[in-house]
Amino acid sequence: MQKKKMRILSAVLLLAVFMVVTACSSNQSQEAKEDRTEGIRAMAQGSYGKAQDLFEQALEKSSDPKTSSGLDNYYYKAIAQFNSGDEDGAIATYSELIKADAKNADAYFLRGNVYLSKQDAGSAETDFGQALQIDPNDLSRRICIYESYRKYGQEEKGKDQLQYVLDHEGEDYLNGAKAKDYLGQTDAAVSDYQAAVRAGKNEAYRPLIALLDRQQKREEADTALEEYKQKKLSGEDYHNIVGIQLDRAAYEDARSDVDRALELKGLKEGEKRKLLADQVACLEHLRQYDEAKTRAEAYLKLYPTDGQMIRELKLIEYAQKPVQE
């Protein structure tokens, strides 16, 4: 049950799990960063109690939620509390953030998800409402709220958010397409994804191709992918293309694309980081575990606080073990 909860909340906690830890100038802040780094490692290994203690230590040294360091510490602490089963503790931590900044829509949204986990639908609805009141035009937030209700078995309650998106999408074709797809209006969703692509939203290609594949329109999906690959591609575009190839189980193609992308000149740091992680994923899917381990270890030397890669390395090491007869 606890593993299920961790998976359910993981999508809505991405902003905390993958946030960039800001370098700090004071010794005390540096110590807080070190505690936080060890806490992330402990959490990635499933040691949530230990992680919570480390985040508490980090907060003792850097607790101002108006600084990036302090904010990170609160978010990570809440994740550790939730995953250790301390839902009330996670709620209290998010409440501290809200007390410090009443316009922190993320904290309201995340606290609402914990309330959903506790089957406190009334409190969840109130928190979601507060998050939307802060920025009522954030259609992506409304999609996320629907997804939260859906994950906790209350899909019907979230459909009002999808209808709001349809009523207010305007030229926000990407969120409009997502809402239509969830509502089963798949042909209309395809049209919106295509409109998003024409408007320059290359990130729409991945859900477009996934939807066409679900509709068993393989030729149209192949055509869309080839159209994407003919464009002038950034590192972010290559990351999206690799994701599409992995979704389609085209692992050799994904490996070729990521290797080609890593040879590009002028890659941004964030793009390089994503592509290096993609490279590990490709090697795992190809069952080339020795090279995957080498690449994962090299990645973690560059980005030691990436909890997802820490977990991936553990999985790779497990896959390398000989099968017991």
C-alpha atoms as a PDB file:
ATOM      1  CA  MET A   1       0.000   0.000   0.000  1.00  0.00           C
ATOM      2  CA  GLN A   2       2.820   2.368   0.856  1.00  0.00           C
ATOM      3  CA  LYS A   3       4.530   1.745  -2.493  1.00  0.00           C
ATOM      4  CA  LYS A   4       1.254   2.497  -4.234  1.00  0.00           C
ATOM      5  CA  LYS A   5       0.952   5.813  -2.398  1.00  0.00           C
ATOM      6  CA  MET A   6       4.491   6.762  -3.376  1.00  0.00           C
ATOM      7  CA  ARG A   7       3.746   6.104  -7.050  1.00  0.00           C
ATOM      8  CA  ILE A   8       0.462   7.995  -6.899  1.00  0.00           C
ATOM      9  CA  LEU A   9       1.970  11.132  -5.443  1.00  0.00           C
ATOM     10  CA  SER A  10       5.186  11.014  -7.482  1.00  0.00           C
ATOM     11  CA  ALA A  11       3.725  12.780 -10.537  1.00  0.00           C
ATOM     12  CA  VAL A  12       2.457  15.752  -8.583  1.00  0.00           C
ATOM     13  CA  LEU A  13       5.682  16.070  -6.613  1.00  0.00           C
ATOM     14  CA  LEU A  14       7.952  16.449  -9.627  1.00  0.00           C
ATOM     15  CA  LEU A  15       8.571  20.098  -8.892  1.00  0.00           C
ATOM     16  CA  ALA A  16      10.050  19.070  -5.551  1.00  0.00           C
ATOM     17  CA  VAL A  17      11.789  15.850  -6.549  1.00  0.00           C
ATOM     18  CA  PHE A  18      13.597  17.360  -9.532  1.00  0.00           C
ATOM     19  CA  MET A  19      14.093  20.941  -8.368  1.00  0.00           C
ATOM     20  CA  VAL A  20      17.583  22.297  -8.838  1.00  0.00           C
ATOM     21  CA  VAL A  21      19.357  22.771  -5.525  1.00  0.00           C
ATOM     22  CA  THR A  22      20.813  26.261  -5.415  1.00  0.00           C
ATOM     23  CA  ALA A  23      24.404  26.731  -4.336  1.00  0.00           C
ATOM     24  CA  CYS A  24      24.712  28.587  -1.020  1.00  0.00           C
ATOM     25  CA  SER A  25      27.358  30.960   0.204  1.00  0.00           C
ATOM     26  CA  SER A  26      27.397  30.488   3.995  1.00  0.00           C
ATOM     27  CA  ASN A  27      28.919  27.470   5.742  1.00  0.00           C
ATOM     28  CA  GLN A  28      25.616  26.809   7.492  1.00  0.00           C
ATOM     29  CA  SER A  29      23.727  26.806   4.194  1.00  0.00           C
ATOM     30  CA  GLN A  30      26.371  24.524   2.689  1.00  0.00           C
ATOM     31  CA  GLU A  31      25.883  22.119   5.586  1.00  0.00           C
ATOM     32  CA  ALA A  32      22.134  22.246   4.988  1.00  0.00           C
ATOM     33  CA  LYS A  33      22.738  21.387   1.337  1.00  0.00           C
ATOM     34  CA  GLU A  34      24.855  18.397   2.349  1.00  0.00           C
ATOM     35  CA  ASP A  35      22.146  17.164   4.728  1.00  0.00           C
ATOM     36  CA  ARG A  36      19.561  17.605   2.000  1.00  0.00           C
ATOM     37  CA  THR A  37      21.696  15.677  -0.501  1.00  0.00           C
ATOM     38  CA  GLU A  38      22.053  12.766   1.917  1.00  0.00           C
ATOM     39  CA  GLY A  39      18.330  12.939   2.613  1.00  0.00           C
ATOM     40  CA  ILE A  40      17.555  12.631  -1.094  1.00  0.00           C
ATOM     41  CA  ARG A  41      19.847   9.596  -1.313  1.00  0.00           C
ATOM     42  CA  ALA A  42      18.167   7.980   1.682  1.00  0.00           C
ATOM     43  CA  MET A  43      14.724   8.638   0.229  1.00  0.00           C
ATOM     44  CA  ALA A  44      15.717   7.174  -3.143  1.00  0.00           C
ATOM     45  CA  GLN A  45      16.749   4.006  -1.302  1.00  0.00           C
ATOM     46  CA  GLY A  46      13.445   3.823   0.557  1.00  0.00           C
ATOM     47  CA  SER A  47      14.831   4.918   3.934  1.00  0.00           C
ATOM     48  CA  TYR A  48      12.138   7.523   4.547  1.00  0.00           C
ATOM     49  CA  GLY A  49      12.603   7.811   8.301  1.00  0.00           C
ATOM     50  CA  LYS A  50      16.305   8.498   7.877  1.00  0.00           C
ATOM     51  CA  ALA A  51      15.525  10.940   5.073  1.00  0.00           C
ATOM     52  CA  GLN A  52      13.057  12.800   7.266  1.00  0.00           C
ATOM     53  CA  ASP A  53      15.700  13.175  10.002  1.00  0.00           C
ATOM     54  CA  LEU A  54      18.190  14.547   7.486  1.00  0.00           C
ATOM     55  CA  PHE A  55      15.721  17.058   6.094  1.00  0.00           C
ATOM     56  CA  GLU A  56      14.943  18.135   9.660  1.00  0.00           C
ATOM     57  CA  GLN A  57      18.667  18.734  10.171  1.00  0.00           C
ATOM     58  CA  ALA A  58      18.783  20.739   6.954  1.00  0.00           C
ATOM     59  CA  LEU A  59      15.862  22.850   8.151  1.00  0.00           C
ATOM     60  CA  GLU A  60      17.655  23.610  11.413  1.00  0.00           C
ATOM     61  CA  LYS A  61      20.350  25.269   9.305  1.00  0.00           C
ATOM     62  CA  SER A  62      18.211  26.737   6.512  1.00  0.00           C
ATOM     63  CA  SER A  63      14.528  27.175   7.289  1.00  0.00           C
ATOM     64  CA  ASP A  64      13.494  30.391   5.562  1.00  0.00           C
ATOM     65  CA  PRO A  65      10.862  29.338   2.972  1.00  0.00           C
ATOM     66  CA  LYS A  66      11.493  32.578   1.107  1.00  0.00           C
ATOM     67  CA  THR A  67      14.914  31.270   0.079  1.00  0.00           C
ATOM     68  CA  SER A  68      15.369  28.504  -2.486  1.00  0.00           C
ATOM     69  CA  SER A  69      17.369  26.440   0.020  1.00  0.00           C
ATOM     70  CA  GLY A  70      14.749  26.671   2.754  1.00  0.00           C
ATOM     71  CA  LEU A  71      11.913  26.007   0.301  1.00  0.00           C
ATOM     72  CA  ASP A  72      13.683  22.887  -0.987  1.00  0.00           C
ATOM     73  CA  ASN A  73      14.086  21.590   2.556  1.00  0.00           C
ATOM     74  CA  TYR A  74      10.372  21.941   3.325  1.00  0.00           C
ATOM     75  CA  TYR A  75       9.285  20.245   0.109  1.00  0.00           C
ATOM     76  CA  TYR A  76      11.652  17.320   0.539  1.00  0.00           C
ATOM     77  CA  LYS A  77      10.643  16.923   4.172  1.00  0.00           C
ATOM     78  CA  ALA A  78       6.987  16.701   3.142  1.00  0.00           C
ATOM     79  CA  ILE A  79       7.779  14.046   0.524  1.00  0.00           C
ATOM     80  CA  ALA A  80       9.664  11.960   3.087  1.00  0.00           C
ATOM     81  CA  GLN A  81       6.840  12.330   5.605  1.00  0.00           C
ATOM     82  CA  PHE A  82       4.225  11.226   3.099  1.00  0.00           C
ATOM     83  CA  ASN A  83       6.217   8.240   1.899  1.00  0.00           C
ATOM     84  CA  SER A  84       6.912   7.145   5.468  1.00  0.00           C
ATOM     85  CA  GLY A  85       3.161   7.129   6.146  1.00  0.00           C
ATOM     86  CA  ASP A  86       3.126  10.352   8.154  1.00  0.00           C
ATOM     87  CA  GLU A  87       0.379  12.084   6.187  1.00  0.00           C
ATOM     88  CA  ASP A  88      -0.503  14.446   9.043  1.00  0.00           C
ATOM     89  CA  GLY A  89       3.149  15.486   9.221  1.00  0.00           C
ATOM     90  CA  ALA A  90       3.205  16.200   5.487  1.00  0.00           C
ATOM     91  CA  ILE A  91       0.059  18.301   5.828  1.00  0.00           C
ATOM     92  CA  ALA A  92       1.653  20.250   8.676  1.00  0.00           C
ATOM     93  CA  THR A  93       4.782  20.901   6.594  1.00  0.00           C
ATOM     94  CA  TYR A  94       2.787  22.188   3.619  1.00  0.00           C
ATOM     95  CA  SER A  95       0.761  24.292   6.063  1.00  0.00           C
ATOM     96  CA  GLU A  96       3.980  25.942   7.245  1.00  0.00           C
ATOM     97  CA  LEU A  97       4.740  26.903   3.651  1.00  0.00           C
ATOM     98  CA  ILE A  98       1.248  28.305   3.179  1.00  0.00           C
ATOM     99  CA  LYS A  99       1.539  30.274   6.425  1.00  0.00           C
ATOM    100  CA  ALA A 100       4.787  31.805   5.147  1.00  0.00           C
ATOM    101  CA  ASP A 101       3.323  32.562   1.696  1.00  0.00           C
ATOM    102  CA  ALA A 102      -0.447  32.540   1.275  1.00  0.00           C
ATOM    103  CA  LYS A 103       0.001  32.692  -2.511  1.00  0.00           C
ATOM    104  CA  ASN A 104       1.989  29.454  -2.740  1.00  0.00           C
ATOM    105  CA  ALA A 105      -0.342  27.615  -5.123  1.00  0.00           C
ATOM    106  CA  ASP A 106       1.971  24.593  -5.287  1.00  0.00           C
ATOM    107  CA  ALA A 107       1.762  24.056  -1.531  1.00  0.00           C
ATOM    108  CA  TYR A 108      -2.048  24.198  -1.608  1.00  0.00           C
ATOM    109  CA  PHE A 109      -2.125  21.756  -4.517  1.00  0.00           C
ATOM    110  CA  LEU A 110       0.283  19.298  -2.904  1.00  0.00           C
ATOM    111  CA  ARG A 111      -1.488  19.481   0.466  1.00  0.00           C
ATOM    112  CA  GLY A 112      -4.743  18.796  -1.373  1.00  0.00           C
ATOM    113  CA  ASN A 113      -3.245  15.605  -2.754  1.00  0.00           C
ATOM    114  CA  VAL A 114      -2.323  14.436   0.728  1.00  0.00           C
ATOM    115  CA  TYR A 115      -5.885  15.125   1.855  1.00  0.00           C
ATOM    116  CA  LEU A 116      -7.105  12.976  -1.041  1.00  0.00           C
ATOM    117  CA  SER A 117      -4.810  10.204   0.182  1.00  0.00           C
ATOM    118  CA  LYS A 118      -6.497  10.508   3.590  1.00  0.00           C
ATOM    119  CA  GLN A 119      -9.909  10.345   1.857  1.00  0.00           C
ATOM    120  CA  ASP A 120     -10.665  13.848   3.105  1.00  0.00           C
ATOM    121  CA  ALA A 121     -12.308  15.027  -0.107  1.00  0.00           C
ATOM    122  CA  GLY A 122     -13.700  18.205   1.447  1.00  0.00           C
ATOM    123  CA  SER A 123     -10.319  19.520   2.545  1.00  0.00           C
ATOM    124  CA  ALA A 124      -8.772  18.491  -0.775  1.00  0.00           C
ATOM    125  CA  GLU A 125     -11.431  20.404  -2.690  1.00  0.00           C
ATOM    126  CA  THR A 126     -10.840  23.483  -0.535  1.00  0.00           C
ATOM    127  CA  ASP A 127      -7.089  23.379  -1.157  1.00  0.00           C
ATOM    128  CA  PHE A 128      -7.508  22.846  -4.885  1.00  0.00           C
ATOM    129  CA  GLY A 129      -9.898  25.778  -4.932  1.00  0.00           C
ATOM    130  CA  GLN A 130      -7.324  27.960  -3.161  1.00  0.00           C
ATOM    131  CA  ALA A 131      -4.649  26.983  -5.681  1.00  0.00           C
ATOM    132  CA  LEU A 132      -6.951  27.886  -8.559  1.00  0.00           C
ATOM    133  CA  GLN A 133      -8.000  31.143  -6.931  1.00  0.00           C
ATOM    134  CA  ILE A 134      -4.359  32.214  -6.923  1.00  0.00           C
ATOM    135  CA  ASP A 135      -4.116  31.624 -10.677  1.00  0.00           C
ATOM    136  CA  PRO A 136      -7.512  30.778 -12.192  1.00  0.00           C
ATOM    137  CA  ASN A 137      -6.118  30.884 -15.737  1.00  0.00           C
ATOM    138  CA  ASP A 138      -3.618  28.069 -15.139  1.00  0.00           C
ATOM    139  CA  LEU A 139      -5.264  25.369 -17.255  1.00  0.00           C
ATOM    140  CA  SER A 140      -2.409  22.917 -16.702  1.00  0.00           C
ATOM    141  CA  ARG A 141      -3.148  23.061 -12.961  1.00  0.00           C
ATOM    142  CA  ARG A 142      -6.750  22.093 -13.681  1.00  0.00           C
ATOM    143  CA  ILE A 143      -5.558  19.110 -15.710  1.00  0.00           C
ATOM    144  CA  CYS A 144      -3.340  18.078 -12.782  1.00  0.00           C
ATOM    145  CA  ILE A 145      -6.255  18.362 -10.358  1.00  0.00           C
ATOM    146  CA  TYR A 146      -8.330  16.083 -12.578  1.00  0.00           C
ATOM    147  CA  GLU A 147      -5.425  13.605 -12.706  1.00  0.00           C
ATOM    148  CA  SER A 148      -5.207  13.655  -8.918  1.00  0.00           C
ATOM    149  CA  TYR A 149      -8.902  12.887  -8.516  1.00  0.00           C
ATOM    150  CA  ARG A 150      -8.591  10.152 -11.124  1.00  0.00           C
ATOM    151  CA  LYS A 151      -5.639   8.499  -9.382  1.00  0.00           C
ATOM    152  CA  TYR A 152      -7.572   8.386  -6.133  1.00  0.00           C
ATOM    153  CA  GLY A 153     -10.679   6.861  -7.702  1.00  0.00           C
ATOM    154  CA  GLN A 154     -12.727  10.081  -7.864  1.00  0.00           C
ATOM    155  CA  GLU A 155     -12.559  10.734 -11.589  1.00  0.00           C
ATOM    156  CA  GLU A 156     -16.093  12.089 -11.863  1.00  0.00           C
ATOM    157  CA  LYS A 157     -15.325  14.772  -9.295  1.00  0.00           C
ATOM    158  CA  GLY A 158     -12.442  16.000 -11.428  1.00  0.00           C
ATOM    159  CA  LYS A 159     -14.319  16.209 -14.705  1.00  0.00           C
ATOM    160  CA  ASP A 160     -15.566  19.713 -13.886  1.00  0.00           C
ATOM    161  CA  GLN A 161     -11.951  20.826 -14.267  1.00  0.00           C
ATOM    162  CA  LEU A 162     -11.766  19.277 -17.733  1.00  0.00           C
ATOM    163  CA  GLN A 163     -14.961  21.041 -18.768  1.00  0.00           C
ATOM    164  CA  TYR A 164     -13.531  24.333 -17.543  1.00  0.00           C
ATOM    165  CA  VAL A 165     -10.468  23.742 -19.731  1.00  0.00           C
ATOM    166  CA  LEU A 166     -12.694  23.090 -22.759  1.00  0.00           C
ATOM    167  CA  ASP A 167     -14.691  26.249 -22.066  1.00  0.00           C
ATOM    168  CA  HIS A 168     -11.591  28.436 -21.690  1.00  0.00           C
ATOM    169  CA  GLU A 169      -8.877  26.820 -23.819  1.00  0.00           C
ATOM    170  CA  GLY A 170      -8.826  29.541 -26.485  1.00  0.00           C
ATOM    171  CA  GLU A 171      -5.546  28.927 -28.294  1.00  0.00           C
ATOM    172  CA  ASP A 172      -4.149  26.715 -25.536  1.00  0.00           C
ATOM    173  CA  TYR A 173      -4.491  23.706 -27.805  1.00  0.00           C
ATOM    174  CA  LEU A 174      -2.174  21.492 -25.762  1.00  0.00           C
ATOM    175  CA  ASN A 175      -4.233  21.561 -22.576  1.00  0.00           C
ATOM    176  CA  GLY A 176      -7.414  21.477 -24.622  1.00  0.00           C
ATOM    177  CA  ALA A 177      -6.206  18.294 -26.307  1.00  0.00           C
ATOM    178  CA  LYS A 178      -5.373  16.686 -22.973  1.00  0.00           C
ATOM    179  CA  ALA A 179      -8.847  17.460 -21.634  1.00  0.00           C
ATOM    180  CA  LYS A 180     -10.547  16.109 -24.760  1.00  0.00           C
ATOM    181  CA  ASP A 181      -8.419  12.963 -24.675  1.00  0.00           C
ATOM    182  CA  TYR A 182      -9.395  12.289 -21.054  1.00  0.00           C
ATOM    183  CA  LEU A 183     -13.054  12.841 -21.957  1.00  0.00           C
ATOM    184  CA  GLY A 184     -12.852  10.327 -24.778  1.00  0.00           C
ATOM    185  CA  GLN A 185     -13.073  12.945 -27.516  1.00  0.00           C
ATOM    186  CA  THR A 186     -10.050  11.428 -29.235  1.00  0.00           C
ATOM    187  CA  ASP A 187     -10.523  12.756 -32.767  1.00  0.00           C
ATOM    188  CA  ALA A 188     -10.972  16.283 -31.413  1.00  0.00           C
ATOM    189  CA  ALA A 189      -7.889  15.747 -29.241  1.00  0.00           C
ATOM    190  CA  VAL A 190      -5.839  14.755 -32.293  1.00  0.00           C
ATOM    191  CA  SER A 191      -6.961  17.949 -34.035  1.00  0.00           C
ATOM    192  CA  ASP A 192      -5.930  20.053 -31.047  1.00  0.00           C
ATOM    193  CA  TYR A 193      -2.545  18.345 -30.739  1.00  0.00           C
ATOM    194  CA  GLN A 194      -1.961  19.013 -34.446  1.00  0.00           C
ATOM    195  CA  ALA A 195      -2.972  22.646 -33.937  1.00  0.00           C
ATOM    196  CA  ALA A 196      -0.499  22.878 -31.049  1.00  0.00           C
ATOM    197  CA  VAL A 197       2.247  21.499 -33.307  1.00  0.00           C
ATOM    198  CA  ARG A 198       1.403  24.063 -35.990  1.00  0.00           C
ATOM    199  CA  ALA A 199       1.608  26.760 -33.320  1.00  0.00           C
ATOM    200  CA  GLY A 200       5.190  25.695 -32.585  1.00  0.00           C
ATOM    201  CA  LYS A 201       4.543  23.510 -29.529  1.00  0.00           C
ATOM    202  CA  ASN A 202       6.864  20.621 -30.363  1.00  0.00           C
ATOM    203  CA  GLU A 203       6.090  19.020 -26.999  1.00  0.00           C
ATOM    204  CA  ALA A 204       2.678  18.157 -28.457  1.00  0.00           C
ATOM    205  CA  TYR A 205       4.226  15.554 -30.754  1.00  0.00           C
ATOM    206  CA  ARG A 206       4.680  12.976 -28.007  1.00  0.00           C
ATOM    207  CA  PRO A 207       1.052  12.867 -26.776  1.00  0.00           C
ATOM    208  CA  LEU A 208      -0.136  13.169 -30.391  1.00  0.00           C
ATOM    209  CA  ILE A 209       1.862  10.136 -31.491  1.00  0.00           C
ATOM    210  CA  ALA A 210       0.863   8.186 -28.386  1.00  0.00           C
ATOM    211  CA  LEU A 211      -2.805   8.895 -29.098  1.00  0.00           C
ATOM    212  CA  LEU A 212      -2.494   7.901 -32.761  1.00  0.00           C
ATOM    213  CA  ASP A 213      -0.823   4.657 -31.679  1.00  0.00           C
ATOM    214  CA  ARG A 214      -3.685   3.992 -29.252  1.00  0.00           C
ATOM    215  CA  GLN A 215      -6.107   4.540 -32.110  1.00  0.00           C
ATOM    216  CA  GLN A 216      -4.056   2.007 -34.109  1.00  0.00           C
ATOM    217  CA  LYS A 217      -3.269   4.665 -36.696  1.00  0.00           C
ATOM    218  CA  ARG A 218       0.331   3.563 -36.974  1.00  0.00           C
ATOM    219  CA  GLU A 219       1.030   5.133 -40.359  1.00  0.00           C
ATOM    220  CA  GLU A 220      -0.208   8.536 -39.212  1.00  0.00           C
ATOM    221  CA  ALA A 221       1.893   8.212 -36.053  1.00  0.00           C
ATOM    222  CA  ASP A 222       4.971   7.286 -38.108  1.00  0.00           C
ATOM    223  CA  THR A 223       4.367  10.262 -40.395  1.00  0.00           C
ATOM    224  CA  ALA A 224       4.096  12.626 -37.415  1.00  0.00           C
ATOM    225  CA  LEU A 225       7.338  11.281 -35.939  1.00  0.00           C
ATOM    226  CA  GLU A 226       9.174  11.640 -39.244  1.00  0.00           C
ATOM    227  CA  GLU A 227       7.820  15.188 -39.596  1.00  0.00           C
ATOM    228  CA  TYR A 228       9.166  15.996 -36.129  1.00  0.00           C
ATOM    229  CA  LYS A 229      12.587  14.526 -36.893  1.00  0.00           C
ATOM    230  CA  GLN A 230      12.893  16.641 -40.061  1.00  0.00           C
ATOM    231  CA  LYS A 231      12.691  19.875 -38.065  1.00  0.00           C
ATOM    232  CA  LYS A 232      15.634  21.804 -36.687  1.00  0.00           C
ATOM    233  CA  LEU A 233      15.960  20.012 -33.369  1.00  0.00           C
ATOM    234  CA  SER A 234      17.144  21.261 -29.995  1.00  0.00           C
ATOM    235  CA  GLY A 235      18.371  19.041 -27.189  1.00  0.00           C
ATOM    236  CA  GLU A 236      14.888  19.237 -25.663  1.00  0.00           C
ATOM    237  CA  ASP A 237      13.395  18.040 -28.951  1.00  0.00           C
ATOM    238  CA  TYR A 238      15.740  15.063 -29.017  1.00  0.00           C
ATOM    239  CA  HIS A 239      14.724  14.264 -25.425  1.00  0.00           C
ATOM    240  CA  ASN A 240      11.092  14.240 -26.566  1.00  0.00           C
ATOM    241  CA  ILE A 241      11.894  12.056 -29.575  1.00  0.00           C
ATOM    242  CA  VAL A 242      13.777   9.563 -27.414  1.00  0.00           C
ATOM    243  CA  GLY A 243      10.751   9.455 -25.117  1.00  0.00           C
ATOM    244  CA  ILE A 244       8.519   8.714 -28.106  1.00  0.00           C
ATOM    245  CA  GLN A 245      10.826   5.912 -29.250  1.00  0.00           C
ATOM    246  CA  LEU A 246      10.896   4.409 -25.751  1.00  0.00           C
ATOM    247  CA  ASP A 247       7.093   4.621 -25.559  1.00  0.00           C
ATOM    248  CA  ARG A 248       6.954   2.647 -28.804  1.00  0.00           C
ATOM    249  CA  ALA A 249       9.551   0.082 -27.645  1.00  0.00           C
ATOM    250  CA  ALA A 250      11.884   1.207 -30.475  1.00  0.00           C
ATOM    251  CA  TYR A 251      14.910   0.930 -28.196  1.00  0.00           C
ATOM    252  CA  GLU A 252      17.630   0.782 -30.853  1.00  0.00           C
ATOM    253  CA  ASP A 253      16.221   3.887 -32.545  1.00  0.00           C
ATOM    254  CA  ALA A 254      16.058   5.633 -29.178  1.00  0.00           C
ATOM    255  CA  ARG A 255      19.695   4.764 -28.485  1.00  0.00           C
ATOM    256  CA  SER A 256      20.770   6.118 -31.881  1.00  0.00           C
ATOM    257  CA  ASP A 257      18.810   9.328 -31.346  1.00  0.00           C
ATOM    258  CA  VAL A 258      20.229   9.997 -27.897  1.00  0.00           C
ATOM    259  CA  ASP A 259      23.787   9.340 -29.039  1.00  0.00           C
ATOM    260  CA  ARG A 260      23.266  11.730 -31.962  1.00  0.00           C
ATOM    261  CA  ALA A 261      21.822  14.358 -29.654  1.00  0.00           C
ATOM    262  CA  LEU A 262      24.739  14.202 -27.229  1.00  0.00           C
ATOM    263  CA  GLU A 263      27.065  15.126 -30.093  1.00  0.00           C
ATOM    264  CA  LEU A 264      25.235  18.419 -30.655  1.00  0.00           C
ATOM    265  CA  LYS A 265      27.206  21.569 -29.965  1.00  0.00           C
ATOM    266  CA  GLY A 266      25.787  24.169 -27.626  1.00  0.00           C
ATOM    267  CA  LEU A 267      23.598  21.861 -25.554  1.00  0.00           C
ATOM    268  CA  LYS A 268      22.129  23.591 -22.519  1.00  0.00           C
ATOM    269  CA  GLU A 269      22.964  22.049 -19.163  1.00  0.00           C
ATOM    270  CA  GLY A 270      19.366  20.980 -18.547  1.00  0.00           C
ATOM    271  CA  GLU A 271      19.171  19.375 -21.995  1.00  0.00           C
ATOM    272  CA  LYS A 272      22.409  17.483 -21.470  1.00  0.00           C
ATOM    273  CA  ARG A 273      21.192  16.209 -18.118  1.00  0.00           C
ATOM    274  CA  LYS A 274      17.963  14.852 -19.594  1.00  0.00           C
ATOM    275  CA  LEU A 275      19.776  13.211 -22.505  1.00  0.00           C
ATOM    276  CA  LEU A 276      22.333  11.528 -20.244  1.00  0.00           C
ATOM    277  CA  ALA A 277      19.451  10.103 -18.217  1.00  0.00           C
ATOM    278  CA  ASP A 278      17.788   9.005 -21.468  1.00  0.00           C
ATOM    279  CA  GLN A 279      20.977   7.209 -22.422  1.00  0.00           C
ATOM    280  CA  VAL A 280      20.835   5.141 -19.246  1.00  0.00           C
ATOM    281  CA  ALA A 281      17.172   4.323 -19.881  1.00  0.00           C
ATOM    282  CA  CYS A 282      17.945   3.148 -23.425  1.00  0.00           C
ATOM    283  CA  LEU A 283      20.729   0.874 -22.208  1.00  0.00           C
ATOM    284  CA  GLU A 284      18.454  -0.607 -19.552  1.00  0.00           C
ATOM    285  CA  HIS A 285      15.766  -1.392 -22.102  1.00  0.00           C
ATOM    286  CA  LEU A 286      18.392  -2.984 -24.336  1.00  0.00           C
ATOM    287  CA  ARG A 287      19.547  -5.031 -21.317  1.00  0.00           C
ATOM    288  CA  GLN A 288      23.072  -3.708 -21.659  1.00  0.00           C
ATOM    289  CA  TYR A 289      23.373  -3.509 -17.903  1.00  0.00           C
ATOM    290  CA  ASP A 290      27.148  -3.184 -17.579  1.00  0.00           C
ATOM    291  CA  GLU A 291      27.256  -0.076 -19.750  1.00  0.00           C
ATOM    292  CA  ALA A 292      24.045   1.210 -18.132  1.00  0.00           C
ATOM    293  CA  LYS A 293      25.703   0.968 -14.717  1.00  0.00           C
ATOM    294  CA  THR A 294      28.809   2.782 -15.937  1.00  0.00           C
ATOM    295  CA  ARG A 295      26.702   5.567 -17.443  1.00  0.00           C
ATOM    296  CA  ALA A 296      24.496   5.837 -14.360  1.00  0.00           C
ATOM    297  CA  GLU A 297      27.504   6.128 -12.051  1.00  0.00           C
ATOM    298  CA  ALA A 298      29.011   8.819 -14.300  1.00  0.00           C
ATOM    299  CA  TYR A 299      25.682  10.660 -14.298  1.00  0.00           C
ATOM    300  CA  LEU A 300      25.501  10.636 -10.501  1.00  0.00           C
ATOM    301  CA  LYS A 301      28.975  12.148 -10.259  1.00  0.00           C
ATOM    302  CA  LEU A 302      27.575  15.100 -12.195  1.00  0.00           C
ATOM    303  CA  TYR A 303      24.141  15.177 -10.513  1.00  0.00           C
ATOM    304  CA  PRO A 304      24.455  13.451  -7.108  1.00  0.00           C
ATOM    305  CA  THR A 305      21.032  14.574  -5.838  1.00  0.00           C
ATOM    306  CA  ASP A 306      18.990  12.957  -8.614  1.00  0.00           C
ATOM    307  CA  GLY A 307      16.849  10.554  -6.618  1.00  0.00           C
ATOM    308  CA  GLN A 308      15.392   8.876  -9.681  1.00  0.00           C
ATOM    309  CA  MET A 309      18.825   7.938 -11.034  1.00  0.00           C
ATOM    310  CA  ILE A 310      19.872   6.656  -7.619  1.00  0.00           C
ATOM    311  CA  ARG A 311      16.902   4.288  -7.768  1.00  0.00           C
ATOM    312  CA  GLU A 312      17.690   3.350 -11.364  1.00  0.00           C
ATOM    313  CA  LEU A 313      21.242   2.415 -10.402  1.00  0.00           C
ATOM    314  CA  LYS A 314      19.898   0.099  -7.702  1.00  0.00           C
ATOM    315  CA  LEU A 315      17.599  -1.541 -10.264  1.00  0.00           C
ATOM    316  CA  ILE A 316      20.490  -1.965 -12.709  1.00  0.00           C
ATOM    317  CA  GLU A 317      22.637  -3.583 -10.019  1.00  0.00           C
ATOM    318  CA  TYR A 318      19.762  -5.913  -9.167  1.00  0.00           C
ATOM    319  CA  ALA A 319      19.339  -6.828 -12.852  1.00  0.00           C
ATOM    320  CA  GLN A 320      23.064  -7.696 -13.057  1.00  0.00           C
ATOM    321  CA  LYS A 321      22.761 -10.352 -10.363  1.00  0.00           C
ATOM    322  CA  PRO A 322      22.712 -13.938 -11.656  1.00  0.00           C
ATOM    323  CA  VAL A 323      19.372 -15.707 -11.486  1.00  0.00           C
ATOM    324  CA  GLN A 324      19.210 -18.222  -8.634  1.00  0.00           C
ATOM    325  CA  GLU A 325      18.353 -21.714  -9.831  1.00  0.00           C
END
